[in-house]
């Protein structure tokens, strides 16, 4: 069955870096659009970034553009989010989410989330 397992969250000082991982099983990650979505305390879900199926084109929310990089390792069937120059506003639970083949389908699977806290 499909599973998404995030890891790599933690406590980091402002300006620091973290790399989140999302290990996928039960499907071939590169065949689907994959996204990172976050939820800050007391707020709704916020789309962060996605990577498309096949060619691996990427897109980012304006709030993270230039600081975050989404990527995938097809051999490991794993999605990553490299986060640099972290700010307190980046504090949130980060989820990876599986989309469809074309990018127009809704997310059908989510990971359990990993907490990222940016604080001095």
Protein backbone atom coordinates (compact mmCIF):
# COMPACT_ATOMS: atom_id res chain seq x y z
CA UNK A 1 0.00 0.00 0.00
CA UNK A 2 1.03 3.62 -0.42
CA UNK A 3 3.05 5.09 2.43
CA UNK A 4 4.82 8.41 2.87
CA UNK A 5 7.17 8.79 5.82
CA UNK A 6 8.74 12.18 6.54
CA UNK A 7 11.87 12.76 8.59
CA UNK A 8 14.50 15.41 9.18
CA UNK A 9 12.59 18.00 11.15
CA UNK A 10 13.88 19.57 14.33
CA UNK A 11 14.86 22.74 16.12
CA UNK A 12 17.14 25.12 14.25
CA UNK A 13 18.29 28.70 14.80
CA UNK A 14 17.26 31.46 12.41
CA UNK A 15 19.52 31.40 9.38
CA UNK A 16 20.14 27.69 9.73
CA UNK A 17 19.37 24.81 7.40
CA UNK A 18 17.49 21.53 7.48
CA UNK A 19 16.82 18.84 4.91
CA UNK A 20 13.50 17.05 5.06
CA UNK A 21 13.04 13.61 3.55
CA UNK A 22 9.89 11.80 2.48
CA UNK A 23 10.39 8.09 1.85
CA UNK A 24 7.72 6.73 -0.47
CA UNK A 25 6.59 3.13 -0.84
CA UNK A 26 3.84 1.39 -2.76
CA UNK A 27 4.24 3.55 -5.86
CA UNK A 28 6.94 5.05 -8.10
CA UNK A 29 7.49 8.57 -6.84
CA UNK A 30 8.81 9.96 -10.11
CA UNK A 31 5.57 9.05 -11.90
CA UNK A 32 3.50 11.49 -9.86
CA UNK A 33 3.47 15.12 -8.87
CA UNK A 34 4.73 15.45 -5.31
CA UNK A 35 4.39 18.40 -2.99
CA UNK A 36 5.49 19.76 0.34
CA UNK A 37 2.75 21.46 2.36
CA UNK A 38 3.10 23.03 5.78
CA UNK A 39 0.87 24.07 8.63
CA UNK A 40 2.01 26.70 11.08
CA UNK A 41 0.57 26.77 14.62
CA UNK A 42 -3.01 28.02 14.54
CA UNK A 43 -3.03 28.44 10.76
CA UNK A 44 -4.30 26.54 7.74
CA UNK A 45 -2.39 24.46 5.26
CA UNK A 46 0.09 26.32 3.05
CA UNK A 47 1.48 24.87 -0.16
CA UNK A 48 5.29 25.17 -0.19
CA UNK A 49 6.63 23.48 -3.29
CA UNK A 50 6.05 20.78 -5.83
CA UNK A 51 7.93 18.72 -8.36
CA UNK A 52 6.24 17.36 -11.43
CA UNK A 53 6.23 13.84 -12.74
CA UNK A 54 8.72 12.83 -15.39
CA UNK A 55 10.93 15.81 -16.13
CA UNK A 56 11.00 17.05 -12.56
CA UNK A 57 10.09 20.68 -13.08
CA UNK A 58 9.68 22.53 -9.79
CA UNK A 59 7.70 25.44 -8.37
CA UNK A 60 7.74 27.30 -5.07
CA UNK A 61 5.62 29.56 -2.94
CA UNK A 62 6.89 33.13 -2.96
CA UNK A 63 7.56 32.87 0.78
CA UNK A 64 10.24 30.21 0.25
CA UNK A 65 11.52 30.94 -3.25
CA UNK A 66 15.30 31.20 -3.32
CA UNK A 67 15.66 29.52 0.07
CA UNK A 68 14.08 26.09 -0.36
CA UNK A 69 14.84 23.43 -2.95
CA UNK A 70 12.68 20.42 -3.71
CA UNK A 71 14.26 17.36 -5.27
CA UNK A 72 13.86 13.61 -5.53
CA UNK A 73 16.11 10.57 -5.68
CA UNK A 74 14.46 8.12 -8.03
CA UNK A 75 16.72 5.25 -6.98
CA UNK A 76 15.72 5.73 -3.34
CA UNK A 77 12.11 6.66 -4.17
CA UNK A 78 12.53 9.61 -1.81
CA UNK A 79 11.48 13.24 -1.95
CA UNK A 80 13.55 15.98 -0.30
CA UNK A 81 13.15 19.58 0.76
CA UNK A 82 16.38 21.44 1.40
CA UNK A 83 15.61 24.47 3.54
CA UNK A 84 18.21 27.21 3.91
CA UNK A 85 18.17 30.63 5.55
CA UNK A 86 15.35 29.52 7.80
CA UNK A 87 13.17 32.12 9.47
CA UNK A 88 10.89 31.89 12.52
CA UNK A 89 7.94 32.16 10.10
CA UNK A 90 9.00 28.80 8.63
CA UNK A 91 8.03 27.09 11.90
CA UNK A 92 5.39 24.52 11.00
CA UNK A 93 4.58 20.87 10.57
CA UNK A 94 5.76 19.90 7.10
CA UNK A 95 3.91 17.24 5.12
CA UNK A 96 4.73 15.56 1.85
CA UNK A 97 1.72 14.85 -0.32
CA UNK A 98 1.19 12.67 -3.38
CA UNK A 99 -0.60 14.19 -6.31
CA UNK A 100 -1.64 12.66 -9.60
CA UNK A 101 0.02 12.07 -12.92
CA UNK A 102 -0.96 15.36 -14.55
CA UNK A 103 -0.80 17.72 -11.59
CA UNK A 104 -4.49 18.58 -11.72
CA UNK A 105 -5.62 15.81 -9.40
CA UNK A 106 -6.10 16.40 -5.67
CA UNK A 107 -3.65 14.94 -3.19
CA UNK A 108 -4.59 11.38 -2.37
CA UNK A 109 -1.96 10.46 0.22
CA UNK A 110 -0.18 12.43 2.93
CA UNK A 111 2.66 11.67 5.25
CA UNK A 112 2.39 11.99 9.02
CA UNK A 113 4.30 15.27 9.08
CA UNK A 114 7.57 16.40 10.62
CA UNK A 115 7.91 19.39 12.96
CA UNK A 116 10.26 22.21 12.04
CA UNK A 117 10.88 24.85 14.69
CA UNK A 118 13.00 27.90 13.90
CA UNK A 119 13.92 29.73 17.07
CA UNK A 120 16.89 31.21 18.87
